[in-house]
Amino acid sequence: MSTFSIPRPEGLTTARLELAPLQHCNALELLDYQLKNKLHLQETSPQPPADYYTEEFWQRKIWSSTQDWNKGCAIRFVIRMTDRPEIIGTLKFSQIFRGPLHSCFLGYNVDEEFENLGLMTEALEKSITYLFEVWNLHRVQANYLVDNKKSARVLEKLGFTIEGLAPKYLYIKDGWHDHIISSLINENWNDAYLND
């Protein structure tokens, strides 16, 4: 039996972007991104913890992201333009399961100022390739609000297939909301790691 080796947390680059593991960031820049986009992200995200908008919360998140990466259970990146220092988005592959699943969940967001530029599609294309080729996952699932046309377009461009509807899937702002379930399969998955 082969044993999967967890890769070192290194960054990725595209033509316009740099993707850095969240644990390579500092708490204040992560907090700045969240504060700037607070109202924008509330439209599609569950209610955050009470201390979410504090430096202390993001210090803990950096620590936990390091632990999650080392355990192989989650990968989190921040997104920057190659010519600008500030964070313009985040993405994560969470709840990574091995065994007979080799799957995970995808979540992402982008600064409102940088929407509709194809940047998230570019970031996800690069990071999913990394997820499939380096982490050797078989399936990534992404769920989005039924009226979130922007996410629907991004995932469609990346080749995600709609699998169905999850009624009352997440509690966001004022109540439970239905979500579309979609997924992307790694057709080049290496079954040498099936029992890991």
N, C-alpha and C. Protein backbone atom coordinates (compact mmCIF):
# COMPACT_ATOMS: atom_id res chain seq x y z
N MET A 1 0.85 -1.20 0.00
CA MET A 1 0.00 0.00 0.00
C MET A 1 0.88 1.24 0.00
N SER A 2 0.56 2.23 -0.85
CA SER A 2 1.27 3.49 -0.87
C SER A 2 0.71 4.42 0.19
N THR A 3 1.58 5.24 0.76
CA THR A 3 1.15 6.21 1.76
C THR A 3 1.21 7.60 1.16
N PHE A 4 0.10 8.32 1.24
CA PHE A 4 0.06 9.68 0.69
C PHE A 4 0.93 10.60 1.52
N SER A 5 1.75 11.37 0.87
CA SER A 5 2.63 12.33 1.53
C SER A 5 2.07 13.74 1.36
N ILE A 6 1.79 14.42 2.46
CA ILE A 6 1.20 15.76 2.40
C ILE A 6 2.24 16.74 1.89
N PRO A 7 1.92 17.50 0.83
CA PRO A 7 2.87 18.45 0.27
C PRO A 7 3.17 19.60 1.23
N ARG A 8 4.33 20.19 1.07
CA ARG A 8 4.65 21.39 1.83
C ARG A 8 3.73 22.52 1.38
N PRO A 9 3.37 23.44 2.28
CA PRO A 9 2.48 24.55 1.91
C PRO A 9 3.23 25.62 1.11
N GLU A 10 3.14 25.54 -0.20
CA GLU A 10 3.79 26.51 -1.07
C GLU A 10 2.74 27.20 -1.92
N GLY A 11 3.10 28.38 -2.44
CA GLY A 11 2.16 29.18 -3.22
C GLY A 11 2.06 28.73 -4.67
N LEU A 12 1.05 29.25 -5.34
CA LEU A 12 0.81 28.99 -6.75
C LEU A 12 0.71 30.32 -7.48
N THR A 13 1.02 30.32 -8.76
CA THR A 13 0.90 31.55 -9.55
C THR A 13 0.19 31.27 -10.87
N THR A 14 -0.49 32.30 -11.37
CA THR A 14 -1.10 32.27 -12.70
C THR A 14 -0.62 33.51 -13.44
N ALA A 15 -1.18 33.77 -14.59
CA ALA A 15 -0.77 34.93 -15.37
C ALA A 15 -0.98 36.24 -14.61
N ARG A 16 -2.05 36.31 -13.80
CA ARG A 16 -2.36 37.56 -13.10
C ARG A 16 -2.34 37.46 -11.59
N LEU A 17 -2.24 36.25 -11.06
CA LEU A 17 -2.49 36.05 -9.63
C LEU A 17 -1.38 35.31 -8.91
N GLU A 18 -1.34 35.55 -7.59
CA GLU A 18 -0.53 34.76 -6.68
C GLU A 18 -1.47 34.16 -5.63
N LEU A 19 -1.36 32.87 -5.42
CA LEU A 19 -2.15 32.18 -4.40
C LEU A 19 -1.21 31.73 -3.30
N ALA A 20 -1.39 32.29 -2.11
CA ALA A 20 -0.52 31.97 -0.98
C ALA A 20 -1.30 31.18 0.06
N PRO A 21 -0.70 30.12 0.63
CA PRO A 21 -1.37 29.44 1.75
C PRO A 21 -1.72 30.43 2.84
N LEU A 22 -2.91 30.32 3.39
CA LEU A 22 -3.37 31.28 4.39
C LEU A 22 -2.40 31.38 5.56
N GLN A 23 -1.75 30.28 5.90
CA GLN A 23 -0.84 30.31 7.05
C GLN A 23 0.42 31.13 6.78
N HIS A 24 0.63 31.57 5.54
CA HIS A 24 1.76 32.45 5.24
C HIS A 24 1.38 33.93 5.34
N CYS A 25 0.15 34.21 5.74
CA CYS A 25 -0.32 35.59 5.86
C CYS A 25 -0.21 36.06 7.30
N ASN A 26 -0.50 37.35 7.51
CA ASN A 26 -0.59 37.84 8.88
C ASN A 26 -2.04 38.18 9.20
N ALA A 27 -2.35 38.20 10.47
CA ALA A 27 -3.74 38.35 10.92
C ALA A 27 -4.35 39.68 10.49
N LEU A 28 -3.56 40.74 10.51
CA LEU A 28 -4.12 42.05 10.19
C LEU A 28 -4.54 42.16 8.73
N GLU A 29 -3.79 41.58 7.81
CA GLU A 29 -4.19 41.68 6.40
C GLU A 29 -5.43 40.83 6.13
N LEU A 30 -5.55 39.71 6.83
CA LEU A 30 -6.76 38.90 6.70
C LEU A 30 -7.97 39.64 7.27
N LEU A 31 -7.78 40.28 8.41
CA LEU A 31 -8.85 41.06 9.01
C LEU A 31 -9.25 42.23 8.12
N ASP A 32 -8.29 42.91 7.54
CA ASP A 32 -8.58 44.04 6.64
C ASP A 32 -9.46 43.60 5.47
N TYR A 33 -9.15 42.43 4.89
CA TYR A 33 -9.94 41.92 3.77
C TYR A 33 -11.39 41.66 4.21
N GLN A 34 -11.55 41.04 5.37
CA GLN A 34 -12.89 40.72 5.85
C GLN A 34 -13.69 41.98 6.18
N LEU A 35 -13.05 42.96 6.80
CA LEU A 35 -13.75 44.20 7.13
C LEU A 35 -14.16 44.96 5.88
N LYS A 36 -13.28 45.01 4.89
CA LYS A 36 -13.59 45.71 3.65
C LYS A 36 -14.79 45.08 2.94
N ASN A 37 -14.89 43.76 3.02
CA ASN A 37 -15.93 43.04 2.29
C ASN A 37 -17.06 42.51 3.17
N LYS A 38 -17.19 43.08 4.36
CA LYS A 38 -18.16 42.57 5.33
C LYS A 38 -19.57 42.49 4.77
N LEU A 39 -20.09 43.58 4.26
CA LEU A 39 -21.46 43.59 3.74
C LEU A 39 -21.59 42.73 2.49
N HIS A 40 -20.59 42.79 1.64
CA HIS A 40 -20.59 42.02 0.40
C HIS A 40 -20.67 40.52 0.66
N LEU A 41 -19.87 40.02 1.60
CA LEU A 41 -19.80 38.59 1.86
C LEU A 41 -20.95 38.08 2.70
N GLN A 42 -21.62 38.96 3.44
CA GLN A 42 -22.76 38.54 4.26
C GLN A 42 -23.91 38.01 3.42
N GLU A 43 -23.95 38.39 2.15
CA GLU A 43 -25.06 37.98 1.29
C GLU A 43 -25.04 36.49 0.99
N THR A 44 -23.86 35.86 1.03
CA THR A 44 -23.76 34.46 0.65
C THR A 44 -23.11 33.57 1.71
N SER A 45 -22.80 34.13 2.87
CA SER A 45 -22.07 33.38 3.90
C SER A 45 -22.89 33.21 5.17
N PRO A 46 -22.68 32.10 5.87
CA PRO A 46 -23.34 31.93 7.17
C PRO A 46 -22.88 32.99 8.17
N GLN A 47 -23.65 33.16 9.24
CA GLN A 47 -23.30 34.11 10.29
C GLN A 47 -21.94 33.75 10.89
N PRO A 48 -20.98 34.68 10.90
CA PRO A 48 -19.67 34.36 11.46
C PRO A 48 -19.69 34.37 12.99
N PRO A 49 -18.65 33.80 13.64
CA PRO A 49 -18.56 33.85 15.10
C PRO A 49 -18.50 35.29 15.61
N ALA A 50 -18.79 35.47 16.89
CA ALA A 50 -18.87 36.82 17.47
C ALA A 50 -17.55 37.58 17.36
N ASP A 51 -16.41 36.86 17.44
CA ASP A 51 -15.11 37.54 17.41
C ASP A 51 -14.45 37.50 16.02
N TYR A 52 -15.25 37.24 14.99
CA TYR A 52 -14.72 37.07 13.62
C TYR A 52 -13.94 38.29 13.14
N TYR A 53 -14.40 39.47 13.48
CA TYR A 53 -13.76 40.70 13.01
C TYR A 53 -12.76 41.24 14.03
N THR A 54 -11.90 40.34 14.50
CA THR A 54 -10.84 40.72 15.44
C THR A 54 -9.52 40.11 14.98
N GLU A 55 -8.43 40.74 15.37
CA GLU A 55 -7.11 40.21 15.04
C GLU A 55 -6.89 38.85 15.69
N GLU A 56 -7.41 38.68 16.90
CA GLU A 56 -7.22 37.43 17.63
C GLU A 56 -7.85 36.25 16.89
N PHE A 57 -9.03 36.46 16.32
CA PHE A 57 -9.67 35.39 15.57
C PHE A 57 -8.77 34.93 14.43
N TRP A 58 -8.21 35.89 13.68
CA TRP A 58 -7.42 35.54 12.51
C TRP A 58 -6.05 34.98 12.89
N GLN A 59 -5.55 35.33 14.06
CA GLN A 59 -4.35 34.65 14.55
C GLN A 59 -4.63 33.17 14.78
N ARG A 60 -5.79 32.87 15.37
CA ARG A 60 -6.18 31.48 15.58
C ARG A 60 -6.41 30.75 14.26
N LYS A 61 -7.00 31.47 13.30
CA LYS A 61 -7.27 30.86 11.99
C LYS A 61 -5.97 30.50 11.28
N ILE A 62 -4.96 31.35 11.39
CA ILE A 62 -3.65 31.04 10.80
C ILE A 62 -3.09 29.78 11.43
N TRP A 63 -3.18 29.69 12.76
CA TRP A 63 -2.68 28.51 13.47
C TRP A 63 -3.44 27.25 13.04
N SER A 64 -4.77 27.35 13.01
CA SER A 64 -5.57 26.16 12.66
C SER A 64 -5.38 25.77 11.20
N SER A 65 -5.14 26.73 10.33
CA SER A 65 -4.89 26.42 8.92
C SER A 65 -3.60 25.64 8.75
N THR A 66 -2.61 25.98 9.55
CA THR A 66 -1.35 25.23 9.54
C THR A 66 -1.59 23.80 9.99
N GLN A 67 -2.36 23.62 11.08
CA GLN A 67 -2.65 22.27 11.58
C GLN A 67 -3.45 21.47 10.55
N ASP A 68 -4.45 22.12 9.94
CA ASP A 68 -5.29 21.43 8.96
C ASP A 68 -4.48 20.96 7.76
N TRP A 69 -3.58 21.84 7.28
CA TRP A 69 -2.73 21.46 6.14
C TRP A 69 -1.85 20.27 6.52
N ASN A 70 -1.24 20.34 7.70
CA ASN A 70 -0.33 19.27 8.14
C ASN A 70 -1.05 17.94 8.33
N LYS A 71 -2.33 18.00 8.70
CA LYS A 71 -3.13 16.78 8.87
C LYS A 71 -3.72 16.30 7.55
N GLY A 72 -3.66 17.16 6.53
CA GLY A 72 -4.24 16.81 5.24
C GLY A 72 -5.74 16.91 5.18
N CYS A 73 -6.35 17.73 6.05
CA CYS A 73 -7.82 17.81 6.08
C CYS A 73 -8.39 19.10 5.50
N ALA A 74 -7.54 20.09 5.18
CA ALA A 74 -8.02 21.32 4.56
C ALA A 74 -6.85 22.09 3.94
N ILE A 75 -7.15 22.80 2.85
CA ILE A 75 -6.18 23.67 2.17
C ILE A 75 -6.85 25.02 2.01
N ARG A 76 -6.19 26.08 2.48
CA ARG A 76 -6.75 27.43 2.35
C ARG A 76 -5.73 28.34 1.67
N PHE A 77 -6.18 29.10 0.68
CA PHE A 77 -5.33 30.06 -0.02
C PHE A 77 -5.94 31.45 0.06
N VAL A 78 -5.07 32.47 0.06
CA VAL A 78 -5.51 33.84 -0.20
C VAL A 78 -5.05 34.18 -1.62
N ILE A 79 -5.77 35.10 -2.24
CA ILE A 79 -5.52 35.47 -3.63
C ILE A 79 -5.07 36.92 -3.69
N ARG A 80 -3.99 37.17 -4.41
CA ARG A 80 -3.51 38.53 -4.65
C ARG A 80 -3.24 38.71 -6.14
N MET A 81 -3.35 39.95 -6.63
CA MET A 81 -2.86 40.27 -7.96
C MET A 81 -1.34 40.24 -7.91
N THR A 82 -0.69 39.88 -9.00
CA THR A 82 0.77 39.83 -9.00
C THR A 82 1.40 41.20 -8.82
N ASP A 83 0.65 42.26 -9.15
CA ASP A 83 1.21 43.62 -9.06
C ASP A 83 0.62 44.44 -7.91
N ARG A 84 -0.11 43.76 -6.98
CA ARG A 84 -0.70 44.47 -5.85
C ARG A 84 -0.53 43.63 -4.59
N PRO A 85 -0.27 44.25 -3.44
CA PRO A 85 0.01 43.47 -2.23
C PRO A 85 -1.22 42.99 -1.47
N GLU A 86 -2.38 43.65 -1.63
CA GLU A 86 -3.51 43.33 -0.78
C GLU A 86 -4.23 42.06 -1.23
N ILE A 87 -4.90 41.42 -0.28
CA ILE A 87 -5.71 40.23 -0.56
C ILE A 87 -6.96 40.65 -1.32
N ILE A 88 -7.26 39.92 -2.41
CA ILE A 88 -8.47 40.23 -3.18
C ILE A 88 -9.47 39.07 -3.17
N GLY A 89 -9.13 37.98 -2.49
CA GLY A 89 -10.05 36.85 -2.42
C GLY A 89 -9.46 35.72 -1.61
N THR A 90 -10.30 34.75 -1.31
CA THR A 90 -9.85 33.55 -0.60
C THR A 90 -10.52 32.33 -1.22
N LEU A 91 -9.89 31.18 -1.05
CA LEU A 91 -10.52 29.93 -1.45
C LEU A 91 -10.04 28.83 -0.52
N LYS A 92 -10.87 27.82 -0.37
CA LYS A 92 -10.52 26.71 0.52
C LYS A 92 -11.10 25.40 0.01
N PHE A 93 -10.33 24.35 0.26
CA PHE A 93 -10.79 22.98 0.06
C PHE A 93 -10.84 22.37 1.45
N SER A 94 -12.04 22.16 1.95
CA SER A 94 -12.20 21.71 3.34
C SER A 94 -12.84 20.32 3.40
N GLN A 95 -12.85 19.77 4.62
CA GLN A 95 -13.41 18.44 4.86
C GLN A 95 -12.85 17.43 3.86
N ILE A 96 -11.53 17.41 3.75
CA ILE A 96 -10.86 16.45 2.87
C ILE A 96 -10.95 15.06 3.50
N PHE A 97 -11.55 14.15 2.77
CA PHE A 97 -11.70 12.77 3.22
C PHE A 97 -10.93 11.85 2.27
N ARG A 98 -10.26 10.87 2.83
CA ARG A 98 -9.55 9.87 2.02
C ARG A 98 -10.38 8.58 1.99
N GLY A 99 -9.73 7.44 2.14
CA GLY A 99 -10.45 6.18 2.09
C GLY A 99 -11.18 6.00 0.78
N PRO A 100 -12.44 5.57 0.82
CA PRO A 100 -13.19 5.34 -0.42
C PRO A 100 -13.74 6.62 -1.04
N LEU A 101 -13.54 7.78 -0.39
CA LEU A 101 -14.08 9.03 -0.92
C LEU A 101 -13.05 9.86 -1.70
N HIS A 102 -11.94 10.19 -1.07
CA HIS A 102 -10.94 11.07 -1.68
C HIS A 102 -11.62 12.32 -2.25
N SER A 103 -12.36 13.00 -1.38
CA SER A 103 -13.15 14.14 -1.83
C SER A 103 -13.02 15.30 -0.86
N CYS A 104 -13.59 16.45 -1.25
CA CYS A 104 -13.57 17.64 -0.40
C CYS A 104 -14.67 18.60 -0.84
N PHE A 105 -14.83 19.67 -0.05
CA PHE A 105 -15.76 20.74 -0.38
C PHE A 105 -14.97 21.99 -0.75
N LEU A 106 -15.45 22.72 -1.72
CA LEU A 106 -14.83 23.96 -2.17
C LEU A 106 -15.64 25.17 -1.70
N GLY A 107 -14.94 26.18 -1.18
CA GLY A 107 -15.55 27.46 -0.84
C GLY A 107 -14.66 28.58 -1.33
N TYR A 108 -15.23 29.70 -1.70
CA TYR A 108 -14.42 30.80 -2.22
C TYR A 108 -15.18 32.11 -2.14
N ASN A 109 -14.44 33.21 -2.17
CA ASN A 109 -15.04 34.55 -2.26
C ASN A 109 -14.03 35.50 -2.85
N VAL A 110 -14.53 36.61 -3.38
CA VAL A 110 -13.66 37.60 -4.01
C VAL A 110 -14.13 39.00 -3.62
N ASP A 111 -13.18 39.89 -3.47
CA ASP A 111 -13.46 41.30 -3.19
C ASP A 111 -14.44 41.83 -4.24
N GLU A 112 -15.45 42.56 -3.78
CA GLU A 112 -16.47 43.09 -4.69
C GLU A 112 -15.86 43.92 -5.81
N GLU A 113 -14.78 44.62 -5.51
CA GLU A 113 -14.12 45.47 -6.49
C GLU A 113 -13.52 44.67 -7.65
N PHE A 114 -13.25 43.37 -7.42
CA PHE A 114 -12.57 42.55 -8.41
C PHE A 114 -13.47 41.48 -9.03
N GLU A 115 -14.76 41.62 -8.87
CA GLU A 115 -15.70 40.70 -9.50
C GLU A 115 -15.78 40.95 -11.00
N ASN A 116 -16.24 39.93 -11.73
CA ASN A 116 -16.51 40.03 -13.17
C ASN A 116 -15.27 40.29 -14.02
N LEU A 117 -14.10 39.87 -13.51
CA LEU A 117 -12.85 40.01 -14.26
C LEU A 117 -12.24 38.66 -14.61
N GLY A 118 -12.93 37.59 -14.27
CA GLY A 118 -12.42 36.25 -14.53
C GLY A 118 -11.34 35.80 -13.58
N LEU A 119 -11.12 36.55 -12.50
CA LEU A 119 -10.03 36.25 -11.58
C LEU A 119 -10.29 34.99 -10.75
N MET A 120 -11.53 34.83 -10.28
CA MET A 120 -11.82 33.65 -9.49
C MET A 120 -11.75 32.38 -10.33
N THR A 121 -12.22 32.46 -11.56
CA THR A 121 -12.10 31.32 -12.46
C THR A 121 -10.63 30.94 -12.64
N GLU A 122 -9.79 31.94 -12.83
CA GLU A 122 -8.35 31.71 -13.00
C GLU A 122 -7.73 31.09 -11.75
N ALA A 123 -8.10 31.61 -10.58
CA ALA A 123 -7.57 31.08 -9.32
C ALA A 123 -8.03 29.65 -9.07
N LEU A 124 -9.30 29.39 -9.33
CA LEU A 124 -9.82 28.04 -9.08
C LEU A 124 -9.27 27.03 -10.08
N GLU A 125 -9.11 27.43 -11.32
CA GLU A 125 -8.55 26.50 -12.30
C GLU A 125 -7.16 26.05 -11.86
N LYS A 126 -6.34 26.99 -11.40
CA LYS A 126 -4.99 26.65 -10.95
C LYS A 126 -5.01 25.79 -9.68
N SER A 127 -5.83 26.19 -8.72
CA SER A 127 -5.83 25.48 -7.43
C SER A 127 -6.47 24.10 -7.54
N ILE A 128 -7.47 23.93 -8.39
CA ILE A 128 -8.08 22.61 -8.57
C ILE A 128 -7.10 21.67 -9.28
N THR A 129 -6.36 22.20 -10.25
CA THR A 129 -5.33 21.39 -10.90
C THR A 129 -4.32 20.91 -9.85
N TYR A 130 -3.92 21.81 -8.97
CA TYR A 130 -3.00 21.46 -7.87
C TYR A 130 -3.64 20.41 -6.96
N LEU A 131 -4.89 20.60 -6.61
CA LEU A 131 -5.60 19.66 -5.74
C LEU A 131 -5.64 18.26 -6.34
N PHE A 132 -5.92 18.18 -7.64
CA PHE A 132 -6.03 16.90 -8.31
C PHE A 132 -4.66 16.26 -8.56
N GLU A 133 -3.70 17.06 -9.03
CA GLU A 133 -2.42 16.48 -9.42
C GLU A 133 -1.49 16.23 -8.23
N VAL A 134 -1.51 17.10 -7.23
CA VAL A 134 -0.58 16.99 -6.11
C VAL A 134 -1.22 16.29 -4.91
N TRP A 135 -2.44 16.65 -4.57
CA TRP A 135 -3.13 16.03 -3.44
C TRP A 135 -3.91 14.78 -3.86
N ASN A 136 -4.04 14.58 -5.15
CA ASN A 136 -4.66 13.37 -5.70
C ASN A 136 -6.07 13.12 -5.14
N LEU A 137 -6.89 14.18 -5.09
CA LEU A 137 -8.28 13.99 -4.71
C LEU A 137 -9.10 13.61 -5.94
N HIS A 138 -10.15 12.85 -5.71
CA HIS A 138 -10.98 12.33 -6.80
C HIS A 138 -12.16 13.24 -7.15
N ARG A 139 -12.68 13.95 -6.13
CA ARG A 139 -13.90 14.72 -6.35
C ARG A 139 -13.89 15.97 -5.49
N VAL A 140 -14.31 17.09 -6.08
CA VAL A 140 -14.48 18.32 -5.32
C VAL A 140 -15.93 18.77 -5.49
N GLN A 141 -16.58 19.06 -4.39
CA GLN A 141 -17.98 19.48 -4.41
C GLN A 141 -18.10 20.96 -4.08
N ALA A 142 -18.93 21.67 -4.82
CA ALA A 142 -19.18 23.09 -4.57
C ALA A 142 -20.69 23.31 -4.56
N ASN A 143 -21.19 23.91 -3.49
CA ASN A 143 -22.62 24.19 -3.35
C ASN A 143 -22.82 25.70 -3.33
N TYR A 144 -23.86 26.19 -4.01
CA TYR A 144 -24.09 27.63 -4.08
C TYR A 144 -25.58 27.94 -4.01
N LEU A 145 -25.89 29.13 -3.52
CA LEU A 145 -27.27 29.59 -3.44
C LEU A 145 -27.94 29.53 -4.81
N VAL A 146 -29.20 29.16 -4.85
CA VAL A 146 -29.88 28.96 -6.13
C VAL A 146 -29.91 30.22 -6.99
N ASP A 147 -29.86 31.40 -6.37
CA ASP A 147 -29.89 32.64 -7.15
C ASP A 147 -28.51 33.27 -7.33
N ASN A 148 -27.45 32.54 -6.98
CA ASN A 148 -26.09 33.07 -7.13
C ASN A 148 -25.59 32.77 -8.54
N LYS A 149 -25.98 33.62 -9.48
CA LYS A 149 -25.65 33.42 -10.90
C LYS A 149 -24.15 33.52 -11.15
N LYS A 150 -23.45 34.34 -10.36
CA LYS A 150 -22.01 34.50 -10.57
C LYS A 150 -21.26 33.22 -10.27
N SER A 151 -21.58 32.59 -9.14
CA SER A 151 -20.94 31.31 -8.81
C SER A 151 -21.32 30.24 -9.82
N ALA A 152 -22.57 30.24 -10.25
CA ALA A 152 -23.01 29.26 -11.24
C ALA A 152 -22.18 29.35 -12.51
N ARG A 153 -21.92 30.60 -12.97
CA ARG A 153 -21.12 30.79 -14.19
C ARG A 153 -19.68 30.33 -14.00
N VAL A 154 -19.09 30.69 -12.86
CA VAL A 154 -17.70 30.30 -12.59
C VAL A 154 -17.57 28.78 -12.61
N LEU A 155 -18.43 28.09 -11.89
CA LEU A 155 -18.33 26.64 -11.79
C LEU A 155 -18.64 25.96 -13.12
N GLU A 156 -19.56 26.51 -13.89
CA GLU A 156 -19.86 25.96 -15.21
C GLU A 156 -18.63 26.05 -16.11
N LYS A 157 -17.94 27.20 -16.07
CA LYS A 157 -16.74 27.38 -16.89
C LYS A 157 -15.64 26.39 -16.52
N LEU A 158 -15.62 25.99 -15.25
CA LEU A 158 -14.60 25.06 -14.77
C LEU A 158 -14.97 23.60 -15.02
N GLY A 159 -16.18 23.35 -15.52
CA GLY A 159 -16.59 22.00 -15.84
C GLY A 159 -17.36 21.27 -14.76
N PHE A 160 -17.80 22.00 -13.71
CA PHE A 160 -18.59 21.37 -12.65
C PHE A 160 -19.94 20.92 -13.21
N THR A 161 -20.41 19.79 -12.71
CA THR A 161 -21.70 19.23 -13.12
C THR A 161 -22.71 19.41 -11.99
N ILE A 162 -23.89 19.90 -12.32
CA ILE A 162 -24.95 20.05 -11.32
C ILE A 162 -25.51 18.67 -10.98
N GLU A 163 -25.57 18.37 -9.68
CA GLU A 163 -26.04 17.06 -9.23
C GLU A 163 -27.44 17.10 -8.62
N GLY A 164 -27.86 18.29 -8.19
CA GLY A 164 -29.19 18.37 -7.60
C GLY A 164 -29.38 19.59 -6.72
N LEU A 165 -30.44 19.55 -5.95
CA LEU A 165 -30.80 20.65 -5.07
C LEU A 165 -30.76 20.16 -3.62
N ALA A 166 -30.15 20.98 -2.74
CA ALA A 166 -30.15 20.69 -1.31
C ALA A 166 -31.09 21.68 -0.63
N PRO A 167 -32.32 21.26 -0.31
CA PRO A 167 -33.28 22.17 0.31
C PRO A 167 -32.82 22.63 1.69
N LYS A 168 -32.99 23.90 1.98
CA LYS A 168 -32.68 24.47 3.29
C LYS A 168 -31.29 24.01 3.77
N TYR A 169 -30.31 24.19 2.94
CA TYR A 169 -28.96 23.65 3.17
C TYR A 169 -28.16 24.44 4.19
N LEU A 170 -28.19 25.79 4.11
CA LEU A 170 -27.41 26.62 5.02
C LEU A 170 -28.27 27.75 5.58
N TYR A 171 -27.99 28.11 6.83
CA TYR A 171 -28.66 29.24 7.45
C TYR A 171 -27.82 30.49 7.17
N ILE A 172 -28.37 31.40 6.37
CA ILE A 172 -27.67 32.62 5.98
C ILE A 172 -28.57 33.82 6.25
N LYS A 173 -28.07 34.75 7.04
CA LYS A 173 -28.75 36.00 7.37
C LYS A 173 -30.11 35.77 8.04
N ASP A 174 -31.14 35.53 7.22
CA ASP A 174 -32.51 35.55 7.73
C ASP A 174 -33.20 34.19 7.76
N GLY A 175 -32.48 33.12 7.39
CA GLY A 175 -33.15 31.83 7.41
C GLY A 175 -32.39 30.78 6.61
N TRP A 176 -33.04 29.60 6.47
CA TRP A 176 -32.45 28.49 5.74
C TRP A 176 -32.63 28.70 4.24
N HIS A 177 -31.56 28.42 3.48
CA HIS A 177 -31.59 28.67 2.04
C HIS A 177 -31.22 27.42 1.25
N ASP A 178 -31.96 27.22 0.14
CA ASP A 178 -31.67 26.12 -0.77
C ASP A 178 -30.36 26.38 -1.50
N HIS A 179 -29.63 25.30 -1.80
CA HIS A 179 -28.38 25.40 -2.55
C HIS A 179 -28.35 24.38 -3.69
N ILE A 180 -27.68 24.77 -4.76
CA ILE A 180 -27.40 23.85 -5.85
C ILE A 180 -26.15 23.05 -5.49
N ILE A 181 -26.18 21.74 -5.69
CA ILE A 181 -25.03 20.88 -5.46
C ILE A 181 -24.35 20.63 -6.80
N SER A 182 -23.04 20.87 -6.86
CA SER A 182 -22.29 20.59 -8.08
C SER A 182 -20.95 19.95 -7.73
N SER A 183 -20.35 19.28 -8.71
CA SER A 183 -19.07 18.63 -8.44
C SER A 183 -18.22 18.54 -9.69
N LEU A 184 -16.94 18.32 -9.45
CA LEU A 184 -15.97 18.09 -10.52
C LEU A 184 -15.17 16.84 -10.16
N ILE A 185 -15.03 15.93 -11.13
CA ILE A 185 -14.33 14.66 -10.91
C ILE A 185 -12.94 14.73 -11.54
N ASN A 186 -11.97 14.18 -10.83
CA ASN A 186 -10.60 14.05 -11.33
C ASN A 186 -10.51 12.77 -12.15
N GLU A 187 -10.52 12.91 -13.46
CA GLU A 187 -10.51 11.73 -14.33
C GLU A 187 -9.15 11.04 -14.36
N ASN A 188 -8.12 11.71 -13.82
CA ASN A 188 -6.77 11.13 -13.80
C ASN A 188 -6.35 10.72 -12.39
N TRP A 189 -7.34 10.43 -11.55
CA TRP A 189 -7.05 10.06 -10.17
C TRP A 189 -6.20 8.81 -10.10
N ASN A 190 -5.24 8.80 -9.17
CA ASN A 190 -4.31 7.69 -9.00
C ASN A 190 -4.82 6.76 -7.90
N ASP A 191 -5.26 5.58 -8.27
CA ASP A 191 -5.86 4.67 -7.28
C ASP A 191 -4.82 3.99 -6.39
N ALA A 192 -3.54 4.34 -6.53
CA ALA A 192 -2.52 3.79 -5.64
C ALA A 192 -2.76 4.21 -4.21
N TYR A 193 -3.52 5.32 -4.02
CA TYR A 193 -3.75 5.85 -2.67
C TYR A 193 -5.14 5.50 -2.14
N LEU A 194 -5.79 4.51 -2.72
CA LEU A 194 -7.16 4.18 -2.36
C LEU A 194 -7.33 3.89 -0.88
N ASN A 195 -6.38 3.26 -0.26
CA ASN A 195 -6.54 2.87 1.15
C ASN A 195 -5.95 3.86 2.13
N ASP A 196 -5.46 5.01 1.65
CA ASP A 196 -4.89 6.01 2.57
C ASP A 196 -5.98 6.74 3.33
